[in-house]
Amino acid sequence: MTINLGNLPSQLVLPNGLGQIARGTYDGVNTWNNTVPAQPMQDGNGQQMKVQITPQRAGWWVVHAESIWQTPDAVWTYWHWGIYLTPADAYGWYDDRNHICVHSAIGWSEQTITTAFRLNAGIAYTAYIWWPNSTKGWNQSWWGGKDYFYIKGEFYEDHE
């Protein structure tokens, strides 16, 4: 969408640049399986991998997450991970998932997910990297370092 900057009230910020990022802090392997309940994933220091925003105006929040995964098991394993928003957005959307299937023979697999949420003004939102699903007891491992494990969000305000 093209925006004529001369039409924007001077007291408002431009419709972008409201960005956040959280990065993993553990340069090592984390392994979970179906015994780990659904929850936000951690950064390596016990903090949840999340970004937060309370927009002053309604708009779109584009959230992107990246991770790399492997399994130590010599079987094909399938699971989900993704982005979870609380509270739900203006359309009731709150959960977007990335499906992954790996085998120990293929090594690391890079995974990314990008989704957009329609946010209302004045509401505090939090987006997490989310662990919602695993398969039948097999192990899934992700690298917790900052270069391959992060979540970021960028907000685009409405100026209409």
C-alpha atoms as a PDB file:
ATOM      1  CA  MET A   1       0.000   0.000   0.000  1.00  0.00           C
ATOM      2  CA  THR A   2       1.352   3.437  -0.912  1.00  0.00           C
ATOM      3  CA  ILE A   3       1.181   6.112   1.789  1.00  0.00           C
ATOM      4  CA  ASN A   4       1.487   9.807   1.060  1.00  0.00           C
ATOM      5  CA  LEU A   5       3.596  11.006   3.991  1.00  0.00           C
ATOM      6  CA  GLY A   6       2.196  14.504   3.607  1.00  0.00           C
ATOM      7  CA  ASN A   7      -1.249  13.162   4.534  1.00  0.00           C
ATOM      8  CA  LEU A   8      -0.131  11.728   7.890  1.00  0.00           C
ATOM      9  CA  PRO A   9      -0.756  13.789  11.029  1.00  0.00           C
ATOM     10  CA  SER A  10       2.599  14.932  12.405  1.00  0.00           C
ATOM     11  CA  GLN A  11       1.958  13.469  15.861  1.00  0.00           C
ATOM     12  CA  LEU A  12       1.779   9.896  14.524  1.00  0.00           C
ATOM     13  CA  VAL A  13       4.694   7.608  13.850  1.00  0.00           C
ATOM     14  CA  LEU A  14       5.275   6.174  10.416  1.00  0.00           C
ATOM     15  CA  PRO A  15       3.348   2.942   9.797  1.00  0.00           C
ATOM     16  CA  ASN A  16       6.372   0.700  10.302  1.00  0.00           C
ATOM     17  CA  GLY A  17       9.496   0.442  12.409  1.00  0.00           C
ATOM     18  CA  LEU A  18       7.761  -0.913  15.506  1.00  0.00           C
ATOM     19  CA  GLY A  19       9.874  -4.053  15.626  1.00  0.00           C
ATOM     20  CA  GLN A  20      10.824  -6.499  18.349  1.00  0.00           C
ATOM     21  CA  ILE A  21      13.111  -9.541  18.398  1.00  0.00           C
ATOM     22  CA  ALA A  22      13.930 -12.272  20.911  1.00  0.00           C
ATOM     23  CA  ARG A  23      16.836 -14.640  20.316  1.00  0.00           C
ATOM     24  CA  GLY A  24      17.871 -17.938  21.809  1.00  0.00           C
ATOM     25  CA  THR A  25      20.689 -17.756  24.334  1.00  0.00           C
ATOM     26  CA  TYR A  26      21.878 -21.370  24.488  1.00  0.00           C
ATOM     27  CA  ASP A  27      24.416 -22.541  21.899  1.00  0.00           C
ATOM     28  CA  GLY A  28      23.515 -26.163  22.304  1.00  0.00           C
ATOM     29  CA  VAL A  29      20.943 -28.852  21.596  1.00  0.00           C
ATOM     30  CA  ASN A  30      17.590 -29.005  23.405  1.00  0.00           C
ATOM     31  CA  THR A  31      15.660 -32.264  23.094  1.00  0.00           C
ATOM     32  CA  TRP A  32      11.938 -32.679  23.790  1.00  0.00           C
ATOM     33  CA  ASN A  33       9.440 -35.449  23.019  1.00  0.00           C
ATOM     34  CA  ASN A  34       5.783 -36.275  23.623  1.00  0.00           C
ATOM     35  CA  THR A  35       6.307 -36.212  27.415  1.00  0.00           C
ATOM     36  CA  VAL A  36       6.806 -32.427  27.246  1.00  0.00           C
ATOM     37  CA  PRO A  37       3.422 -30.662  27.474  1.00  0.00           C
ATOM     38  CA  ALA A  38       2.311 -27.972  25.042  1.00  0.00           C
ATOM     39  CA  GLN A  39       4.006 -24.711  26.014  1.00  0.00           C
ATOM     40  CA  PRO A  40       6.043 -21.748  24.806  1.00  0.00           C
ATOM     41  CA  MET A  41       9.627 -22.735  24.057  1.00  0.00           C
ATOM     42  CA  GLN A  42      12.444 -21.273  26.163  1.00  0.00           C
ATOM     43  CA  ASP A  43      15.451 -19.149  25.196  1.00  0.00           C
ATOM     44  CA  GLY A  44      18.081 -21.138  27.157  1.00  0.00           C
ATOM     45  CA  ASN A  45      17.902 -18.982  30.285  1.00  0.00           C
ATOM     46  CA  GLY A  46      14.451 -20.221  31.253  1.00  0.00           C
ATOM     47  CA  GLN A  47      12.675 -17.276  29.602  1.00  0.00           C
ATOM     48  CA  GLN A  48       9.884 -17.819  27.105  1.00  0.00           C
ATOM     49  CA  MET A  49      10.666 -17.052  23.470  1.00  0.00           C
ATOM     50  CA  LYS A  50       8.234 -14.192  22.903  1.00  0.00           C
ATOM     51  CA  VAL A  51       7.703 -10.698  21.564  1.00  0.00           C
ATOM     52  CA  GLN A  52       5.098  -8.269  22.883  1.00  0.00           C
ATOM     53  CA  ILE A  53       3.280  -5.169  21.697  1.00  0.00           C
ATOM     54  CA  THR A  54       0.449  -2.882  22.756  1.00  0.00           C
ATOM     55  CA  PRO A  55      -0.385  -0.915  19.607  1.00  0.00           C
ATOM     56  CA  GLN A  56      -1.746   2.612  19.881  1.00  0.00           C
ATOM     57  CA  ARG A  57      -3.667   2.135  16.646  1.00  0.00           C
ATOM     58  CA  ALA A  58      -5.140  -0.895  14.924  1.00  0.00           C
ATOM     59  CA  GLY A  59      -2.949  -2.610  12.349  1.00  0.00           C
ATOM     60  CA  TRP A  60      -1.143  -5.731  11.242  1.00  0.00           C
ATOM     61  CA  TRP A  61       1.596  -7.487  13.224  1.00  0.00           C
ATOM     62  CA  VAL A  62       3.809  -9.645  11.031  1.00  0.00           C
ATOM     63  CA  VAL A  63       5.551 -12.265  13.192  1.00  0.00           C
ATOM     64  CA  HIS A  64       8.423 -14.433  11.932  1.00  0.00           C
ATOM     65  CA  ALA A  65      10.179 -17.290  13.730  1.00  0.00           C
ATOM     66  CA  GLU A  66      13.109 -19.508  12.810  1.00  0.00           C
ATOM     67  CA  SER A  67      14.587 -22.683  14.258  1.00  0.00           C
ATOM     68  CA  ILE A  68      16.654 -25.672  13.140  1.00  0.00           C
ATOM     69  CA  TRP A  69      15.673 -29.199  14.077  1.00  0.00           C
ATOM     70  CA  GLN A  70      16.923 -32.764  14.010  1.00  0.00           C
ATOM     71  CA  THR A  71      16.099 -36.090  15.616  1.00  0.00           C
ATOM     72  CA  PRO A  72      18.612 -38.461  17.209  1.00  0.00           C
ATOM     73  CA  ASP A  73      16.261 -41.355  16.396  1.00  0.00           C
ATOM     74  CA  ALA A  74      16.669 -43.469  13.262  1.00  0.00           C
ATOM     75  CA  VAL A  75      12.979 -43.171  12.387  1.00  0.00           C
ATOM     76  CA  TRP A  76      10.902 -40.564  10.592  1.00  0.00           C
ATOM     77  CA  THR A  77       9.365 -38.279  13.185  1.00  0.00           C
ATOM     78  CA  TYR A  78       6.660 -35.703  12.583  1.00  0.00           C
ATOM     79  CA  TRP A  79       5.566 -32.814  14.788  1.00  0.00           C
ATOM     80  CA  HIS A  80       4.412 -29.212  14.869  1.00  0.00           C
ATOM     81  CA  TRP A  81       5.890 -25.999  16.207  1.00  0.00           C
ATOM     82  CA  GLY A  82       4.729 -22.493  15.501  1.00  0.00           C
ATOM     83  CA  ILE A  83       3.601 -19.083  16.662  1.00  0.00           C
ATOM     84  CA  TYR A  84       0.930 -18.652  19.321  1.00  0.00           C
ATOM     85  CA  LEU A  85      -0.750 -15.282  20.013  1.00  0.00           C
ATOM     86  CA  THR A  86      -2.488 -14.275  23.219  1.00  0.00           C
ATOM     87  CA  PRO A  87      -5.073 -12.880  23.314  1.00  0.00           C
ATOM     88  CA  ALA A  88      -6.489 -13.860  19.928  1.00  0.00           C
ATOM     89  CA  ASP A  89      -6.376 -11.181  17.226  1.00  0.00           C
ATOM     90  CA  ALA A  90      -9.311  -9.120  15.904  1.00  0.00           C
ATOM     91  CA  TYR A  91     -10.413 -12.053  13.720  1.00  0.00           C
ATOM     92  CA  GLY A  92     -10.043 -14.709  16.426  1.00  0.00           C
ATOM     93  CA  TRP A  93      -6.746 -16.039  14.989  1.00  0.00           C
ATOM     94  CA  TYR A  94      -4.143 -17.133  17.552  1.00  0.00           C
ATOM     95  CA  ASP A  95      -2.233 -20.243  16.402  1.00  0.00           C
ATOM     96  CA  ASP A  96      -0.194 -20.777  13.242  1.00  0.00           C
ATOM     97  CA  ARG A  97       1.865 -23.954  12.927  1.00  0.00           C
ATOM     98  CA  ASN A  98       4.756 -25.271  10.934  1.00  0.00           C
ATOM     99  CA  HIS A  99       4.809 -29.008  10.246  1.00  0.00           C
ATOM    100  CA  ILE A 100       8.145 -30.814  10.198  1.00  0.00           C
ATOM    101  CA  CYS A 101       9.262 -34.347   9.456  1.00  0.00           C
ATOM    102  CA  VAL A 102      12.887 -35.437   9.946  1.00  0.00           C
ATOM    103  CA  HIS A 103      15.040 -38.558  10.241  1.00  0.00           C
ATOM    104  CA  SER A 104      18.435 -38.824  11.946  1.00  0.00           C
ATOM    105  CA  ALA A 105      20.012 -39.623   8.566  1.00  0.00           C
ATOM    106  CA  ILE A 106      19.228 -36.137   7.170  1.00  0.00           C
ATOM    107  CA  GLY A 107      20.735 -34.069   9.994  1.00  0.00           C
ATOM    108  CA  TRP A 108      19.593 -30.511  10.718  1.00  0.00           C
ATOM    109  CA  SER A 109      16.558 -29.018   8.970  1.00  0.00           C
ATOM    110  CA  GLU A 110      16.019 -25.248   8.991  1.00  0.00           C
ATOM    111  CA  GLN A 111      12.438 -24.180   9.603  1.00  0.00           C
ATOM    112  CA  THR A 112      10.798 -20.767   9.329  1.00  0.00           C
ATOM    113  CA  ILE A 113       7.262 -19.537   9.754  1.00  0.00           C
ATOM    114  CA  THR A 114       5.735 -16.127   9.074  1.00  0.00           C
ATOM    115  CA  THR A 115       2.199 -15.131   9.936  1.00  0.00           C
ATOM    116  CA  ALA A 116       0.204 -11.916  10.292  1.00  0.00           C
ATOM    117  CA  PHE A 117      -2.218 -10.988  13.038  1.00  0.00           C
ATOM    118  CA  ARG A 118      -4.805  -8.200  12.891  1.00  0.00           C
ATOM    119  CA  LEU A 119      -4.404  -6.275  16.170  1.00  0.00           C
ATOM    120  CA  ASN A 120      -6.790  -3.895  17.874  1.00  0.00           C
ATOM    121  CA  ALA A 121      -5.571  -0.661  19.453  1.00  0.00           C
ATOM    122  CA  GLY A 122      -4.815  -0.561  23.169  1.00  0.00           C
ATOM    123  CA  ILE A 123      -4.624  -4.313  23.785  1.00  0.00           C
ATOM    124  CA  ALA A 124      -1.419  -5.981  25.022  1.00  0.00           C
ATOM    125  CA  TYR A 125      -0.507  -8.909  22.731  1.00  0.00           C
ATOM    126  CA  THR A 126       2.199 -11.543  23.135  1.00  0.00           C
ATOM    127  CA  ALA A 127       3.431 -13.881  20.382  1.00  0.00           C
ATOM    128  CA  TYR A 128       5.378 -16.993  21.430  1.00  0.00           C
ATOM    129  CA  ILE A 129       7.375 -19.678  19.679  1.00  0.00           C
ATOM    130  CA  TRP A 130       5.061 -22.532  20.555  1.00  0.00           C
ATOM    131  CA  TRP A 131       5.549 -26.273  21.105  1.00  0.00           C
ATOM    132  CA  PRO A 132       2.064 -27.769  20.551  1.00  0.00           C
ATOM    133  CA  ASN A 133       2.681 -31.284  19.273  1.00  0.00           C
ATOM    134  CA  SER A 134       5.050 -34.254  19.103  1.00  0.00           C
ATOM    135  CA  THR A 135       4.855 -37.805  17.799  1.00  0.00           C
ATOM    136  CA  LYS A 136       4.696 -41.099  19.689  1.00  0.00           C
ATOM    137  CA  GLY A 137       7.652 -40.719  22.030  1.00  0.00           C
ATOM    138  CA  TRP A 138      10.367 -39.982  19.503  1.00  0.00           C
ATOM    139  CA  ASN A 139      12.817 -37.181  20.237  1.00  0.00           C
ATOM    140  CA  GLN A 140      12.977 -33.829  18.508  1.00  0.00           C
ATOM    141  CA  SER A 141      15.975 -31.532  19.023  1.00  0.00           C
ATOM    142  CA  TRP A 142      16.425 -27.858  18.222  1.00  0.00           C
ATOM    143  CA  TRP A 143      19.505 -25.660  18.371  1.00  0.00           C
ATOM    144  CA  GLY A 144      19.055 -22.894  20.958  1.00  0.00           C
ATOM    145  CA  GLY A 145      21.608 -20.361  19.679  1.00  0.00           C
ATOM    146  CA  LYS A 146      20.759 -16.828  18.605  1.00  0.00           C
ATOM    147  CA  ASP A 147      21.587 -17.343  14.922  1.00  0.00           C
ATOM    148  CA  TYR A 148      19.032 -20.125  14.392  1.00  0.00           C
ATOM    149  CA  PHE A 149      16.431 -19.640  17.100  1.00  0.00           C
ATOM    150  CA  TYR A 150      14.494 -16.383  17.207  1.00  0.00           C
ATOM    151  CA  ILE A 151      11.120 -14.710  16.965  1.00  0.00           C
ATOM    152  CA  LYS A 152      10.548 -11.212  15.663  1.00  0.00           C
ATOM    153  CA  GLY A 153       7.572  -8.997  14.990  1.00  0.00           C
ATOM    154  CA  GLU A 154       6.997  -5.856  12.976  1.00  0.00           C
ATOM    155  CA  PHE A 155       3.864  -3.771  13.302  1.00  0.00           C
ATOM    156  CA  TYR A 156       2.187  -1.820  10.501  1.00  0.00           C
ATOM    157  CA  GLU A 157      -0.365   0.726  11.694  1.00  0.00           C
ATOM    158  CA  ASP A 158      -3.541   1.717   9.912  1.00  0.00           C
ATOM    159  CA  HIS A 159      -3.696   5.406   9.016  1.00  0.00           C
ATOM    160  CA  GLU A 160      -7.153   5.656   7.587  1.00  0.00           C
END
